[in-house]
Amino acid sequence: MSDRYLVLLRGVNVGGNKKVPKKELQAVLESIGFTDVTVYINSGNAVGTHTGLVAAGEVQSALTAHFGFEVPTLVLPSAKVRAITAAIPEHWTNDSPNPDKTGYQSNVAYLFDDVNTPDVLEMLGHDPAIENMIYVDGAVIQSISRANQARGALAKVIGRKLYAHMTVRNVNTARKLAELLDL
């Protein structure tokens, strides 16, 4: 029986480091049995079909062998991605940044297994006075005003050890990736 999977790479194509071209990512995934692979924007997002259970370690090993550097990888089955996406409140948006800092930044921090626990909100330093955060199995979903963005938990975690155990996408990307799983 086959299933659709979301493959998320952490820390690739940022600032010209750890370059993972879309075509090469697609080829590596196909070489380990994925079919119908779609790579969405050049920031380490792919969806594809596989005929068995897929371990993130298998995908990560194939990527490391191909690119010559370690690529932290999450592989999420479609049911989990749909549950995470369904938990995003419909009115949470990722408005374009603007000079007066109005609007909202809303993100999904997909969690690696070692921090996938409801306690992660506390570990992040969630401040309910300035941000909304929801834990759902596999992710933390955040919405914060642009004015408070720099003071939010996800901004403050950058550079800390915990940050290496998640990969963040804005809600627009998260919703599109879930949509691509259904194609």
Protein backbone atom coordinates (compact mmCIF):
# COMPACT_ATOMS: atom_id res chain seq x y z
CA MET A 1 0.00 0.00 0.00
CA SER A 2 1.39 3.40 -0.89
CA ASP A 3 1.07 6.69 0.94
CA ARG A 4 1.93 10.29 0.23
CA TYR A 5 4.66 11.87 2.34
CA LEU A 6 5.95 15.33 3.07
CA VAL A 7 9.73 15.58 3.16
CA LEU A 8 11.12 18.64 4.94
CA LEU A 9 14.81 19.51 4.91
CA ARG A 10 16.21 21.76 7.59
CA GLY A 11 18.74 24.51 6.89
CA VAL A 12 19.22 24.12 3.15
CA ASN A 13 19.51 26.89 0.55
CA VAL A 14 19.79 29.55 3.27
CA GLY A 15 22.29 32.29 2.55
CA GLY A 16 23.90 30.26 -0.21
CA ASN A 17 24.84 27.44 2.18
CA LYS A 18 24.01 23.74 1.89
CA LYS A 19 22.70 24.04 -1.65
CA VAL A 20 20.09 21.43 -2.55
CA PRO A 21 18.79 22.14 -6.07
CA LYS A 22 15.18 21.14 -6.70
CA LYS A 23 15.97 18.73 -9.55
CA GLU A 24 18.64 16.96 -7.52
CA LEU A 25 16.35 16.66 -4.48
CA GLN A 26 13.71 15.12 -6.74
CA ALA A 27 16.25 12.70 -8.24
CA VAL A 28 17.51 11.56 -4.82
CA LEU A 29 13.97 10.93 -3.60
CA GLU A 30 13.16 8.99 -6.76
CA SER A 31 16.33 6.92 -6.33
CA ILE A 32 15.01 5.61 -2.99
CA GLY A 33 11.58 4.69 -4.30
CA PHE A 34 9.49 7.85 -4.27
CA THR A 35 7.21 8.51 -7.24
CA ASP A 36 5.10 11.51 -8.21
CA VAL A 37 7.63 13.80 -6.50
CA THR A 38 6.91 17.51 -6.41
CA VAL A 39 9.46 19.91 -4.96
CA TYR A 40 7.86 23.13 -3.77
CA ILE A 41 9.96 26.30 -3.72
CA ASN A 42 13.68 25.94 -3.22
CA SER A 43 13.72 25.67 0.57
CA GLY A 44 13.68 21.93 1.14
CA ASN A 45 10.03 20.94 0.68
CA ALA A 46 8.96 17.90 -1.29
CA VAL A 47 5.94 15.64 -1.48
CA GLY A 48 5.87 12.22 -3.02
CA THR A 49 4.35 8.77 -2.99
CA HIS A 50 6.10 5.73 -1.53
CA THR A 51 4.96 2.12 -1.35
CA GLY A 52 6.11 1.48 2.21
CA LEU A 53 6.93 3.10 5.49
CA VAL A 54 9.61 5.70 4.96
CA ALA A 55 12.14 6.44 7.69
CA ALA A 56 13.59 9.93 7.87
CA GLY A 57 16.99 8.33 8.45
CA GLU A 58 16.82 6.57 5.09
CA VAL A 59 16.05 9.83 3.28
CA GLN A 60 18.68 11.74 5.26
CA SER A 61 21.34 9.10 4.49
CA ALA A 62 20.58 9.27 0.76
CA LEU A 63 20.75 13.08 0.81
CA THR A 64 24.01 13.07 2.78
CA ALA A 65 25.56 10.56 0.36
CA HIS A 66 24.50 12.64 -2.65
CA PHE A 67 25.29 16.16 -1.40
CA GLY A 68 28.24 15.42 0.89
CA PHE A 69 26.82 17.20 3.94
CA GLU A 70 24.28 16.29 6.58
CA VAL A 71 20.74 17.39 5.89
CA PRO A 72 18.43 17.08 8.92
CA THR A 73 15.24 15.59 7.49
CA LEU A 74 11.65 15.10 8.57
CA VAL A 75 9.38 12.69 6.73
CA LEU A 76 5.71 13.03 7.63
CA PRO A 77 2.88 10.82 6.37
CA SER A 78 -0.02 12.63 4.76
CA ALA A 79 -2.41 11.95 7.68
CA LYS A 80 -0.09 13.73 10.12
CA VAL A 81 0.40 16.67 7.75
CA ARG A 82 -3.36 16.99 7.32
CA ALA A 83 -3.87 16.95 11.12
CA ILE A 84 -1.25 19.66 11.59
CA THR A 85 -2.70 21.80 8.80
CA ALA A 86 -6.27 21.33 10.11
CA ALA A 87 -5.11 22.72 13.47
CA ILE A 88 -4.08 26.05 11.91
CA PRO A 89 -6.92 28.48 12.65
CA GLU A 90 -8.35 29.62 9.33
CA HIS A 91 -7.92 33.31 10.19
CA TRP A 92 -4.20 32.95 10.99
CA THR A 93 -2.31 34.52 8.13
CA ASN A 94 1.19 35.38 7.10
CA ASP A 95 0.81 38.96 5.97
CA SER A 96 3.54 40.60 3.93
CA PRO A 97 6.02 42.58 6.01
CA ASN A 98 5.46 46.30 5.80
CA PRO A 99 7.17 49.42 7.22
CA ASP A 100 4.55 50.09 9.91
CA LYS A 101 4.76 46.47 11.19
CA THR A 102 1.03 45.87 11.03
CA GLY A 103 -0.32 42.45 10.18
CA TYR A 104 0.64 39.03 11.43
CA GLN A 105 3.36 36.43 11.04
CA SER A 106 2.06 32.89 11.38
CA ASN A 107 4.33 29.86 11.22
CA VAL A 108 4.40 26.11 11.63
CA ALA A 109 7.45 24.74 13.42
CA TYR A 110 7.58 21.07 12.41
CA LEU A 111 9.19 19.13 15.26
CA PHE A 112 11.75 16.36 15.23
CA ASP A 113 10.76 13.42 17.44
CA ASP A 114 13.05 14.32 20.35
CA VAL A 115 11.13 17.56 21.05
CA ASN A 116 7.67 16.47 19.86
CA THR A 117 5.90 16.91 23.18
CA PRO A 118 3.35 19.39 24.56
CA ASP A 119 6.14 20.61 26.88
CA VAL A 120 7.81 22.18 23.85
CA LEU A 121 5.70 25.33 24.34
CA GLU A 122 7.33 25.81 27.73
CA MET A 123 10.77 24.95 26.33
CA LEU A 124 10.26 27.60 23.65
CA GLY A 125 9.34 30.26 26.20
CA HIS A 126 5.84 30.84 24.82
CA ASP A 127 4.52 34.22 26.00
CA PRO A 128 0.70 34.21 25.71
CA ALA A 129 0.66 37.97 26.27
CA ILE A 130 2.20 38.59 22.83
CA GLU A 131 1.65 35.43 20.77
CA ASN A 132 -0.72 32.58 20.16
CA MET A 133 0.82 29.12 20.05
CA ILE A 134 -0.79 25.73 19.58
CA TYR A 135 0.91 22.37 20.03
CA VAL A 136 -0.36 19.55 17.83
CA ASP A 137 1.42 16.23 17.44
CA GLY A 138 4.36 16.99 15.17
CA ALA A 139 4.29 20.78 15.25
CA VAL A 140 3.91 24.08 17.01
CA ILE A 141 1.75 26.63 15.26
CA GLN A 142 2.39 30.29 16.07
CA SER A 143 0.68 33.56 15.23
CA ILE A 144 2.18 36.85 16.34
CA SER A 145 1.74 40.47 15.32
CA ARG A 146 4.53 41.86 13.17
CA ALA A 147 5.12 44.47 15.89
CA ASN A 148 5.95 41.71 18.41
CA GLN A 149 7.62 39.29 15.99
CA ALA A 150 11.18 39.86 17.27
CA ARG A 151 10.01 39.16 20.85
CA GLY A 152 8.21 35.91 19.99
CA ALA A 153 9.27 32.43 21.03
CA LEU A 154 10.28 31.28 17.53
CA ALA A 155 12.44 34.37 16.99
CA LYS A 156 14.13 33.95 20.37
CA VAL A 157 14.90 30.26 19.86
CA ILE A 158 17.10 30.89 16.80
CA GLY A 159 20.65 29.99 17.70
CA ARG A 160 19.63 27.89 20.71
CA LYS A 161 20.05 24.12 20.79
CA LEU A 162 16.26 23.60 20.60
CA TYR A 163 16.12 25.36 17.22
CA ALA A 164 18.11 22.54 15.61
CA HIS A 165 15.22 20.17 16.42
CA MET A 166 12.60 21.90 14.28
CA THR A 167 12.12 23.32 10.84
CA VAL A 168 9.85 26.31 10.32
CA ARG A 169 7.56 27.15 7.41
CA ASN A 170 5.07 30.01 7.21
CA VAL A 171 1.40 29.02 7.24
CA ASN A 172 0.98 29.83 3.55
CA THR A 173 3.68 27.28 2.70
CA ALA A 174 2.28 24.76 5.21
CA ARG A 175 -1.16 24.99 3.66
CA LYS A 176 0.23 24.65 0.13
CA LEU A 177 2.27 21.58 1.09
CA ALA A 178 -0.84 19.92 2.52
CA GLU A 179 -2.68 20.77 -0.70
CA LEU A 180 0.11 19.20 -2.79
CA LEU A 181 -0.29 15.94 -0.86
CA ASP A 182 -3.80 15.66 -2.25
CA LEU A 183 -2.78 15.98 -5.91
